Amino acid sequence: MAEHLLLPKRLVRALPALKRVAWRLEAWCIRGVIGLLRALSPERATALAMRVTRVLGPLLPMWDKVARNLAIAFPSLPAAERARLRRGIFAHLGAAIAELVLSDRIWAERERRLEFRADPAIRGLREGGRPMVLVTGHVGAWQLANLVGAHFGLPITSLYATESNPFLADLVLQLRERLQVRWIPSTGGIRSLIAELRAGHSVGLAGDTRLDQGEAVPYFGH
């Protein structure tokens, strides 16, 4: 998660004393949102979260960054279409939040909410005790994809970026653990995942975590 959700980085850097105040305020707000979402059905919670993050998008520090990134990735796309994509990105941020908060309930109701399919080759590897590298795109209900491990009886390890807000770090990790995946900090990078494979644990990857230990390379010409 970004260092701060409610305050621009420049303001926090100019007034460092605001950092802990902002963290506490953000933690209070997010805990309230979590409590509200858990009081709703998954359908209502997802719809509400998507509406809220769509409306709040322009007020968040990353709103302008998303616009710059879309312009780099889709330079020939009309500005109106990029604006539509940006609104959709922030709406789906709300959906991801709701899915994480309610993942335990979704798993309990998986017979009517989820469908799992596996190639026979995967089943053969599982029965042979061989670890696998399972990859998914960082799109759609990507967080719920972690539940494939629990469904097929695969011990899966995945990387996660520790929350910068110390008043939220434990709470968010607890929510992630409901996805029934073994989480290890991304600070260890690929070496940590190789160690997991050697230990016989399958590895799950959703390509969204930037690892700063490696060499910087050009991406979209930048």
Protein backbone atom coordinates (compact mmCIF):
# COMPACT_ATOMS: atom_id res chain seq x y z
CA MET A 1 0.00 0.00 0.00
CA ALA A 2 1.10 3.56 -0.59
CA GLU A 3 2.86 5.29 2.28
CA HIS A 4 -0.16 7.55 2.77
CA LEU A 5 -3.65 7.31 1.32
CA LEU A 6 -5.03 10.67 2.42
CA LEU A 7 -2.04 13.01 2.23
CA PRO A 8 0.28 13.86 -0.68
CA LYS A 9 3.88 12.73 -0.27
CA ARG A 10 5.16 16.29 -0.68
CA LEU A 11 3.08 17.53 2.24
CA VAL A 12 4.25 14.73 4.54
CA ARG A 13 7.87 15.31 3.56
CA ALA A 14 7.52 19.03 4.24
CA LEU A 15 5.84 18.40 7.60
CA PRO A 16 7.17 15.05 8.95
CA ALA A 17 5.18 15.45 12.18
CA LEU A 18 2.04 14.78 10.14
CA LYS A 19 3.13 11.23 9.32
CA ARG A 20 1.94 9.44 12.45
CA VAL A 21 -1.16 11.61 12.69
CA ALA A 22 -2.06 10.71 9.10
CA TRP A 23 -1.36 7.03 9.74
CA ARG A 24 -3.66 7.00 12.76
CA LEU A 25 -6.41 8.80 10.86
CA GLU A 26 -6.09 6.42 7.90
CA ALA A 27 -6.15 3.38 10.21
CA TRP A 28 -9.27 4.66 11.95
CA CYS A 29 -11.02 5.26 8.61
CA ILE A 30 -10.04 1.90 7.13
CA ARG A 31 -11.08 -0.05 10.23
CA GLY A 32 -14.45 1.67 10.02
CA VAL A 33 -14.78 0.75 6.35
CA ILE A 34 -13.89 -2.87 7.11
CA GLY A 35 -16.52 -3.03 9.83
CA LEU A 36 -19.15 -1.62 7.47
CA LEU A 37 -18.29 -4.01 4.64
CA ARG A 38 -18.42 -7.03 6.93
CA ALA A 39 -21.96 -6.06 7.92
CA LEU A 40 -23.10 -6.39 4.29
CA SER A 41 -23.48 -9.27 1.86
CA PRO A 42 -20.59 -9.74 -0.60
CA GLU A 43 -22.74 -8.33 -3.42
CA ARG A 44 -23.73 -5.19 -1.51
CA ALA A 45 -20.26 -4.73 -0.03
CA THR A 46 -18.59 -4.95 -3.45
CA ALA A 47 -21.08 -2.55 -5.07
CA LEU A 48 -20.70 -0.03 -2.23
CA ALA A 49 -16.89 -0.24 -2.19
CA MET A 50 -16.71 0.26 -5.96
CA ARG A 51 -18.92 3.35 -5.80
CA VAL A 52 -16.93 4.84 -2.92
CA THR A 53 -13.48 4.35 -4.46
CA ARG A 54 -14.73 5.65 -7.83
CA VAL A 55 -15.92 8.86 -6.13
CA LEU A 56 -12.86 9.20 -3.89
CA GLY A 57 -10.39 8.50 -6.70
CA PRO A 58 -9.73 12.17 -7.62
CA LEU A 59 -9.00 12.94 -3.96
CA LEU A 60 -6.33 10.25 -3.57
CA PRO A 61 -2.62 10.97 -4.11
CA MET A 62 -2.27 8.21 -6.73
CA TRP A 63 -5.01 9.65 -8.99
CA ASP A 64 -2.54 11.72 -11.04
CA LYS A 65 0.03 8.91 -11.11
CA VAL A 66 -2.52 6.56 -12.70
CA ALA A 67 -3.22 9.18 -15.38
CA ARG A 68 0.50 9.50 -16.17
CA ASN A 69 0.95 5.74 -16.35
CA LEU A 70 -2.05 5.30 -18.66
CA ALA A 71 -0.66 8.00 -20.95
CA ILE A 72 2.67 6.14 -21.10
CA ALA A 73 1.09 2.73 -21.67
CA PHE A 74 -1.60 3.89 -24.14
CA PRO A 75 -0.27 7.03 -25.87
CA SER A 76 -2.58 6.64 -28.88
CA LEU A 77 -5.74 6.13 -26.85
CA PRO A 78 -8.16 9.11 -26.81
CA ALA A 79 -8.03 11.12 -23.60
CA ALA A 80 -11.71 10.37 -22.90
CA GLU A 81 -11.06 6.63 -23.07
CA ARG A 82 -8.07 6.92 -20.74
CA ALA A 83 -10.27 8.87 -18.32
CA ARG A 84 -12.84 6.07 -18.45
CA LEU A 85 -10.14 3.51 -17.72
CA ARG A 86 -8.88 5.55 -14.79
CA ARG A 87 -12.34 5.67 -13.21
CA GLY A 88 -12.67 1.93 -13.72
CA ILE A 89 -9.30 1.28 -12.10
CA PHE A 90 -10.36 3.06 -8.93
CA ALA A 91 -13.76 1.34 -8.93
CA HIS A 92 -12.07 -2.05 -9.09
CA LEU A 93 -9.80 -1.01 -6.24
CA GLY A 94 -12.98 -1.00 -4.15
CA ALA A 95 -13.92 -4.45 -5.42
CA ALA A 96 -10.50 -5.80 -4.41
CA ILE A 97 -10.90 -4.32 -0.93
CA ALA A 98 -14.33 -5.91 -0.47
CA GLU A 99 -13.12 -9.29 -1.71
CA LEU A 100 -10.20 -9.26 0.72
CA VAL A 101 -12.38 -8.21 3.67
CA LEU A 102 -15.01 -10.87 2.92
CA SER A 103 -12.76 -13.65 1.60
CA ASP A 104 -13.59 -15.94 4.54
CA ARG A 105 -17.32 -15.63 3.84
CA ILE A 106 -16.80 -16.12 0.10
CA TRP A 107 -14.76 -19.26 0.84
CA ALA A 108 -17.46 -20.59 3.19
CA GLU A 109 -20.00 -20.11 0.38
CA ARG A 110 -17.66 -21.31 -2.37
CA GLU A 111 -20.09 -23.93 -3.69
CA ARG A 112 -22.25 -21.16 -5.15
CA ARG A 113 -19.71 -18.35 -5.50
CA LEU A 114 -16.54 -19.90 -6.92
CA GLU A 115 -15.62 -22.32 -9.66
CA PHE A 116 -12.27 -24.12 -9.72
CA ARG A 117 -10.85 -25.87 -12.76
CA ALA A 118 -7.51 -27.60 -13.04
CA ASP A 119 -5.61 -29.11 -15.93
CA PRO A 120 -4.97 -32.83 -15.38
CA ALA A 121 -1.23 -32.09 -15.46
CA ILE A 122 -1.61 -29.96 -12.35
CA ARG A 123 -3.45 -32.72 -10.56
CA GLY A 124 -0.67 -35.13 -11.50
CA LEU A 125 2.00 -32.83 -10.10
CA ARG A 126 0.04 -32.42 -6.91
CA GLU A 127 -0.34 -36.15 -6.45
CA GLY A 128 3.36 -36.61 -7.14
CA GLY A 129 4.25 -34.09 -4.47
CA ARG A 130 6.06 -31.78 -6.87
CA PRO A 131 5.90 -28.01 -6.24
CA MET A 132 4.54 -25.69 -8.92
CA VAL A 133 4.74 -22.01 -9.84
CA LEU A 134 1.18 -20.75 -10.28
CA VAL A 135 0.83 -17.40 -12.06
CA THR A 136 -2.17 -15.11 -12.45
CA GLY A 137 -2.67 -11.66 -13.90
CA HIS A 138 -3.23 -8.79 -11.50
CA VAL A 139 -6.77 -8.34 -12.88
CA GLY A 140 -10.29 -9.27 -11.88
CA ALA A 141 -10.75 -11.06 -8.56
CA TRP A 142 -7.01 -11.70 -8.36
CA GLN A 143 -6.92 -11.99 -4.57
CA LEU A 144 -9.49 -14.78 -4.53
CA ALA A 145 -7.26 -16.74 -6.93
CA ASN A 146 -5.17 -17.59 -3.86
CA LEU A 147 -7.98 -19.89 -2.69
CA VAL A 148 -7.06 -22.37 -5.44
CA GLY A 149 -4.44 -23.72 -3.03
CA ALA A 150 -6.96 -24.54 -0.31
CA HIS A 151 -9.35 -26.07 -2.85
CA PHE A 152 -6.81 -28.43 -4.40
CA GLY A 153 -4.81 -29.11 -1.24
CA LEU A 154 -1.69 -27.29 -2.43
CA PRO A 155 0.58 -25.53 0.08
CA ILE A 156 1.13 -22.17 -1.64
CA THR A 157 3.55 -19.42 -0.68
CA SER A 158 3.29 -15.89 -2.01
CA LEU A 159 5.08 -12.59 -1.51
CA TYR A 160 3.43 -9.58 0.05
CA ALA A 161 4.50 -5.98 0.53
CA THR A 162 4.32 -5.00 4.20
CA GLU A 163 1.99 -2.09 4.86
CA SER A 164 3.85 1.15 5.46
CA ASN A 165 1.22 2.21 8.01
CA PRO A 166 2.25 0.46 11.26
CA PHE A 167 -1.30 0.80 12.64
CA LEU A 168 -2.64 -1.30 9.77
CA ALA A 169 0.12 -3.81 9.05
CA ASP A 170 -1.10 -6.56 11.40
CA LEU A 171 -4.75 -6.10 10.42
CA VAL A 172 -4.07 -6.37 6.69
CA LEU A 173 -1.85 -9.42 7.18
CA GLN A 174 -4.64 -11.09 9.15
CA LEU A 175 -7.04 -10.43 6.28
CA ARG A 176 -4.56 -11.89 3.81
CA GLU A 177 -4.11 -15.01 5.92
CA ARG A 178 -7.81 -15.80 5.43
CA LEU A 179 -6.86 -16.59 1.83
CA GLN A 180 -5.11 -19.67 3.28
CA VAL A 181 -1.74 -18.87 1.74
CA ARG A 182 1.65 -18.74 3.45
CA TRP A 183 2.79 -15.13 3.12
CA ILE A 184 6.40 -14.00 3.24
CA PRO A 185 7.65 -10.39 2.97
CA SER A 186 8.73 -9.27 -0.49
CA THR A 187 12.01 -7.95 0.93
CA GLY A 188 13.54 -11.40 0.37
CA GLY A 189 12.68 -11.26 -3.30
CA ILE A 190 12.94 -14.24 -5.62
CA ARG A 191 15.47 -15.96 -3.36
CA SER A 192 12.74 -16.49 -0.77
CA LEU A 193 10.48 -18.10 -3.37
CA ILE A 194 13.25 -20.40 -4.57
CA ALA A 195 13.74 -21.54 -0.98
CA GLU A 196 10.02 -22.29 -0.76
CA LEU A 197 10.11 -24.38 -3.94
CA ARG A 198 13.06 -26.35 -2.59
CA ALA A 199 11.04 -27.00 0.56
CA GLY A 200 8.28 -28.52 -1.58
CA HIS A 201 5.87 -25.59 -1.40
CA SER A 202 4.17 -24.31 -4.52
CA VAL A 203 4.52 -20.60 -5.25
CA GLY A 204 1.78 -18.19 -6.29
CA LEU A 205 2.57 -15.06 -8.27
CA ALA A 206 0.41 -12.07 -9.23
CA GLY A 207 2.70 -9.74 -11.12
CA ASP A 208 2.27 -6.53 -9.17
CA THR A 209 5.07 -6.39 -6.59
CA ARG A 210 8.09 -4.25 -7.40
CA LEU A 211 11.32 -5.62 -5.99
CA ASP A 212 13.83 -2.83 -5.48
CA GLN A 213 16.82 -5.11 -4.95
CA GLY A 214 17.38 -5.74 -8.65
CA GLU A 215 18.70 -3.63 -11.50
CA ALA A 216 16.38 -1.00 -12.96
CA VAL A 217 15.49 -1.71 -16.60
CA PRO A 218 13.50 0.30 -19.20
CA TYR A 219 9.75 -0.21 -19.07
CA PHE A 220 7.53 1.35 -21.75
CA GLY A 221 10.58 3.34 -22.75
CA HIS A 222 11.10 4.80 -19.28
